[in-house]
Every structure is written in C-alpha cells, then in structure tokens.
Amino acid sequence: MPSSLPPLHITKVAFGNPSVDHLAERLKQRAAEGPLFLTTRFLPKRHEEIAGVGSLFWIIKHQLVARSSILSFGEADGGRVAIHIDPELRLVAARPKRAHQGWRYLEAADAPADLGGDGTGMAELPPALIGKLAELGLV
C-alpha cells in the first residue's frame, strides 16, 4: 500500500567529484556500463520510505547541489547493500550541508527544490556556472 507521507531522502558526499559536471559525467559513464548503483554496508532502517519515491542528494564542496532518484535497494557483492539510482542528475537550489561519512537521512521538508520549471531559466544554465553561483551564495 503506497504511503501518503512525504518522501524521505538521503544525503551523500560526492567523493572524488570536484564539480557537478564531473559527477554528471561519471554517473553517465557508469550507467553506460550497466545498472547504476552505489554500495553501503547497511540497509537503511527506513528504506521502505525511500525506495521509489526518495532521492539521494549529493554534497559537493559542503553544499547540496544535485539529486538522483532512488529506484530501489538490493544486494551487492560481499554482503553489501546496493542503492540503485536513476542516472539522470537533477540540479537543486544549493543549500549548505556539512560533509559526513556514509549517508544521512533528509526529511522532505528540509530538501532543496529542483532548479528549473519555475520560470527562472536556472535549468538552462551549465552546471559549472550554477556551482560557481552557489559557491558565491547567489543561488
């Protein structure tokens, strides 16, 4: 039975990705090789609130800058858990977020809004420019 509660999300540092452009390219390359997933040691206790409705919000340079929809959770090699994500990266209104190890929950009310679709034209800007504007606190 579908939940009427707002979706729950998780956050993760985009380790090794200095920019949104780099992250987008890396996800695109990995998706070309097969199903796109990340691994973690433990299945989130609240995974049923996330799968199919929540997103993984990416942290780059101490800012939430983009998100990937979480499709499902599954098994990975070595007894690890796979977090299957959509390879399409959606830019969000940058919001400060301290770096952390692993993932953390993010309630829907605290999640930044997607850029674009609001008449501002932000979605048409290159991700690198949006990243620079976010660093300056302008978006």
C-alpha atoms as a PDB file:
ATOM      1  CA  MET A   1       0.000   0.000   0.000  1.00  0.00           C
ATOM      2  CA  PRO A   2       1.508   3.394  -1.020  1.00  0.00           C
ATOM      3  CA  SER A   3       2.393   5.773   1.783  1.00  0.00           C
ATOM      4  CA  SER A   4       0.738   9.173   1.979  1.00  0.00           C
ATOM      5  CA  LEU A   5       3.720  10.543   3.919  1.00  0.00           C
ATOM      6  CA  PRO A   6       6.181  12.874   2.175  1.00  0.00           C
ATOM      7  CA  PRO A   7       9.173  11.014   0.758  1.00  0.00           C
ATOM      8  CA  LEU A   8      12.307  10.549   2.805  1.00  0.00           C
ATOM      9  CA  HIS A   9      15.688  11.210   1.178  1.00  0.00           C
ATOM     10  CA  ILE A  10      19.327  10.564   1.966  1.00  0.00           C
ATOM     11  CA  THR A  11      22.448  12.679   1.523  1.00  0.00           C
ATOM     12  CA  LYS A  12      25.910  11.555   0.472  1.00  0.00           C
ATOM     13  CA  VAL A  13      29.196  13.288  -0.260  1.00  0.00           C
ATOM     14  CA  ALA A  14      30.122  13.021  -3.949  1.00  0.00           C
ATOM     15  CA  PHE A  15      33.640  11.935  -3.003  1.00  0.00           C
ATOM     16  CA  GLY A  16      36.222  12.490  -5.729  1.00  0.00           C
ATOM     17  CA  ASN A  17      33.900  14.765  -7.706  1.00  0.00           C
ATOM     18  CA  PRO A  18      35.110  18.368  -7.667  1.00  0.00           C
ATOM     19  CA  SER A  19      32.090  19.686  -9.606  1.00  0.00           C
ATOM     20  CA  VAL A  20      28.533  18.894 -10.635  1.00  0.00           C
ATOM     21  CA  ASP A  21      29.737  18.495 -14.234  1.00  0.00           C
ATOM     22  CA  HIS A  22      32.256  15.861 -13.168  1.00  0.00           C
ATOM     23  CA  LEU A  23      29.642  13.978 -11.132  1.00  0.00           C
ATOM     24  CA  ALA A  24      27.144  14.060 -14.028  1.00  0.00           C
ATOM     25  CA  GLU A  25      29.747  12.712 -16.457  1.00  0.00           C
ATOM     26  CA  ARG A  26      30.830   9.995 -14.040  1.00  0.00           C
ATOM     27  CA  LEU A  27      27.239   8.827 -13.488  1.00  0.00           C
ATOM     28  CA  LYS A  28      26.620   8.840 -17.241  1.00  0.00           C
ATOM     29  CA  GLN A  29      29.709   6.688 -17.856  1.00  0.00           C
ATOM     30  CA  ARG A  30      28.811   4.223 -15.106  1.00  0.00           C
ATOM     31  CA  ALA A  31      25.219   3.935 -16.374  1.00  0.00           C
ATOM     32  CA  ALA A  32      26.559   3.020 -19.840  1.00  0.00           C
ATOM     33  CA  GLU A  33      28.297   0.016 -18.249  1.00  0.00           C
ATOM     34  CA  GLY A  34      25.127  -1.400 -16.669  1.00  0.00           C
ATOM     35  CA  PRO A  35      22.685  -0.702 -13.838  1.00  0.00           C
ATOM     36  CA  LEU A  36      23.795   2.275 -11.765  1.00  0.00           C
ATOM     37  CA  PHE A  37      24.123   1.690  -8.034  1.00  0.00           C
ATOM     38  CA  LEU A  38      26.171   2.680  -5.014  1.00  0.00           C
ATOM     39  CA  THR A  39      27.038   0.317  -2.212  1.00  0.00           C
ATOM     40  CA  THR A  40      26.805   0.701   1.526  1.00  0.00           C
ATOM     41  CA  ARG A  41      27.382  -1.648   4.431  1.00  0.00           C
ATOM     42  CA  PHE A  42      23.913  -1.477   5.924  1.00  0.00           C
ATOM     43  CA  LEU A  43      20.382  -1.263   4.561  1.00  0.00           C
ATOM     44  CA  PRO A  44      18.809   1.973   5.819  1.00  0.00           C
ATOM     45  CA  LYS A  45      16.270   1.132   8.522  1.00  0.00           C
ATOM     46  CA  ARG A  46      13.800   3.459   6.806  1.00  0.00           C
ATOM     47  CA  HIS A  47      14.455   2.099   3.290  1.00  0.00           C
ATOM     48  CA  GLU A  48      10.759   1.455   2.634  1.00  0.00           C
ATOM     49  CA  GLU A  49      10.106   5.216   2.976  1.00  0.00           C
ATOM     50  CA  ILE A  50      12.831   5.956   0.405  1.00  0.00           C
ATOM     51  CA  ALA A  51      12.704   3.337  -2.368  1.00  0.00           C
ATOM     52  CA  GLY A  52      10.880   4.530  -5.473  1.00  0.00           C
ATOM     53  CA  VAL A  53       9.945   7.942  -4.049  1.00  0.00           C
ATOM     54  CA  GLY A  54      13.033   9.400  -2.355  1.00  0.00           C
ATOM     55  CA  SER A  55      16.270  10.774  -3.730  1.00  0.00           C
ATOM     56  CA  LEU A  56      19.955  10.717  -2.986  1.00  0.00           C
ATOM     57  CA  PHE A  57      21.098  14.330  -2.574  1.00  0.00           C
ATOM     58  CA  TRP A  58      24.749  14.882  -3.494  1.00  0.00           C
ATOM     59  CA  ILE A  59      27.079  17.088  -1.440  1.00  0.00           C
ATOM     60  CA  ILE A  60      29.910  18.840  -3.298  1.00  0.00           C
ATOM     61  CA  LYS A  61      32.063  21.462  -1.569  1.00  0.00           C
ATOM     62  CA  HIS A  62      29.816  21.486   1.517  1.00  0.00           C
ATOM     63  CA  GLN A  63      26.642  22.160  -0.485  1.00  0.00           C
ATOM     64  CA  LEU A  64      23.674  20.035  -1.527  1.00  0.00           C
ATOM     65  CA  VAL A  65      23.800  20.653  -5.278  1.00  0.00           C
ATOM     66  CA  ALA A  66      22.025  17.823  -7.107  1.00  0.00           C
ATOM     67  CA  ARG A  67      19.942  14.720  -6.617  1.00  0.00           C
ATOM     68  CA  SER A  68      19.453  11.284  -8.136  1.00  0.00           C
ATOM     69  CA  SER A  69      16.161   9.436  -7.705  1.00  0.00           C
ATOM     70  CA  ILE A  70      16.486   6.234  -5.687  1.00  0.00           C
ATOM     71  CA  LEU A  71      14.879   3.419  -7.626  1.00  0.00           C
ATOM     72  CA  SER A  72      15.358   0.536  -5.195  1.00  0.00           C
ATOM     73  CA  PHE A  73      17.611  -1.247  -2.741  1.00  0.00           C
ATOM     74  CA  GLY A  74      19.158  -4.639  -3.400  1.00  0.00           C
ATOM     75  CA  GLU A  75      22.055  -6.930  -2.663  1.00  0.00           C
ATOM     76  CA  ALA A  76      25.632  -6.266  -3.738  1.00  0.00           C
ATOM     77  CA  ASP A  77      28.820  -8.336  -3.604  1.00  0.00           C
ATOM     78  CA  GLY A  78      30.376  -9.068  -0.249  1.00  0.00           C
ATOM     79  CA  GLY A  79      27.133  -8.826   1.716  1.00  0.00           C
ATOM     80  CA  ARG A  80      26.815  -5.122   0.984  1.00  0.00           C
ATOM     81  CA  VAL A  81      23.632  -3.261   0.045  1.00  0.00           C
ATOM     82  CA  ALA A  82      23.130  -1.704  -3.397  1.00  0.00           C
ATOM     83  CA  ILE A  83      21.328   1.626  -3.695  1.00  0.00           C
ATOM     84  CA  HIS A  84      20.016   1.673  -7.285  1.00  0.00           C
ATOM     85  CA  ILE A  85      19.759   5.237  -8.608  1.00  0.00           C
ATOM     86  CA  ASP A  86      18.494   6.928 -11.740  1.00  0.00           C
ATOM     87  CA  PRO A  87      21.465   8.114 -13.836  1.00  0.00           C
ATOM     88  CA  GLU A  88      19.730  11.440 -14.560  1.00  0.00           C
ATOM     89  CA  LEU A  89      21.194  14.066 -12.264  1.00  0.00           C
ATOM     90  CA  ARG A  90      18.765  16.825 -11.277  1.00  0.00           C
ATOM     91  CA  LEU A  91      20.202  20.140 -10.118  1.00  0.00           C
ATOM     92  CA  VAL A  92      18.753  21.614  -6.937  1.00  0.00           C
ATOM     93  CA  ALA A  93      18.870  25.035  -5.305  1.00  0.00           C
ATOM     94  CA  ALA A  94      22.203  24.838  -3.499  1.00  0.00           C
ATOM     95  CA  ARG A  95      21.992  24.600   0.246  1.00  0.00           C
ATOM     96  CA  PRO A  96      24.870  24.402   2.751  1.00  0.00           C
ATOM     97  CA  LYS A  97      25.446  20.925   4.174  1.00  0.00           C
ATOM     98  CA  ARG A  98      28.405  19.712   6.188  1.00  0.00           C
ATOM     99  CA  ALA A  99      30.294  16.762   4.806  1.00  0.00           C
ATOM    100  CA  HIS A 100      29.802  13.408   6.528  1.00  0.00           C
ATOM    101  CA  GLN A 101      30.772   9.794   6.067  1.00  0.00           C
ATOM    102  CA  GLY A 102      28.275   7.399   4.531  1.00  0.00           C
ATOM    103  CA  TRP A 103      24.718   8.625   4.096  1.00  0.00           C
ATOM    104  CA  ARG A 104      22.288  10.552   6.294  1.00  0.00           C
ATOM    105  CA  TYR A 105      18.515  10.916   6.186  1.00  0.00           C
ATOM    106  CA  LEU A 106      16.988  14.121   4.824  1.00  0.00           C
ATOM    107  CA  GLU A 107      13.335  14.861   5.508  1.00  0.00           C
ATOM    108  CA  ALA A 108      11.253  16.117   2.561  1.00  0.00           C
ATOM    109  CA  ALA A 109      10.606  19.450   4.296  1.00  0.00           C
ATOM    110  CA  ASP A 110      14.369  20.067   4.509  1.00  0.00           C
ATOM    111  CA  ALA A 111      15.188  19.037   0.926  1.00  0.00           C
ATOM    112  CA  PRO A 112      16.156  21.779  -1.531  1.00  0.00           C
ATOM    113  CA  ALA A 113      13.880  22.359  -4.517  1.00  0.00           C
ATOM    114  CA  ASP A 114      14.814  21.325  -8.035  1.00  0.00           C
ATOM    115  CA  LEU A 115      16.089  24.075 -10.286  1.00  0.00           C
ATOM    116  CA  GLY A 116      14.048  24.824 -13.387  1.00  0.00           C
ATOM    117  CA  GLY A 117      10.382  24.677 -14.137  1.00  0.00           C
ATOM    118  CA  ASP A 118       9.841  27.838 -12.139  1.00  0.00           C
ATOM    119  CA  GLY A 119      10.345  30.343 -14.940  1.00  0.00           C
ATOM    120  CA  THR A 120      13.771  31.490 -13.711  1.00  0.00           C
ATOM    121  CA  GLY A 121      15.734  29.800 -16.507  1.00  0.00           C
ATOM    122  CA  MET A 122      18.151  28.263 -13.987  1.00  0.00           C
ATOM    123  CA  ALA A 123      17.777  24.792 -15.503  1.00  0.00           C
ATOM    124  CA  GLU A 124      19.252  26.036 -18.781  1.00  0.00           C
ATOM    125  CA  LEU A 125      22.485  27.244 -17.151  1.00  0.00           C
ATOM    126  CA  PRO A 126      25.537  24.972 -17.304  1.00  0.00           C
ATOM    127  CA  PRO A 127      26.026  23.024 -14.060  1.00  0.00           C
ATOM    128  CA  ALA A 128      29.506  24.520 -13.625  1.00  0.00           C
ATOM    129  CA  LEU A 129      28.049  28.045 -13.636  1.00  0.00           C
ATOM    130  CA  ILE A 130      25.360  27.068 -11.153  1.00  0.00           C
ATOM    131  CA  GLY A 131      28.088  25.610  -8.942  1.00  0.00           C
ATOM    132  CA  LYS A 132      30.042  28.885  -9.040  1.00  0.00           C
ATOM    133  CA  LEU A 133      26.904  30.893  -8.278  1.00  0.00           C
ATOM    134  CA  ALA A 134      26.169  28.566  -5.342  1.00  0.00           C
ATOM    135  CA  GLU A 135      29.711  28.993  -4.002  1.00  0.00           C
ATOM    136  CA  LEU A 136      29.126  32.748  -4.037  1.00  0.00           C
ATOM    137  CA  GLY A 137      25.774  32.316  -2.267  1.00  0.00           C
ATOM    138  CA  LEU A 138      23.837  33.747  -5.210  1.00  0.00           C
ATOM    139  CA  VAL A 139      21.514  30.785  -5.751  1.00  0.00           C
END
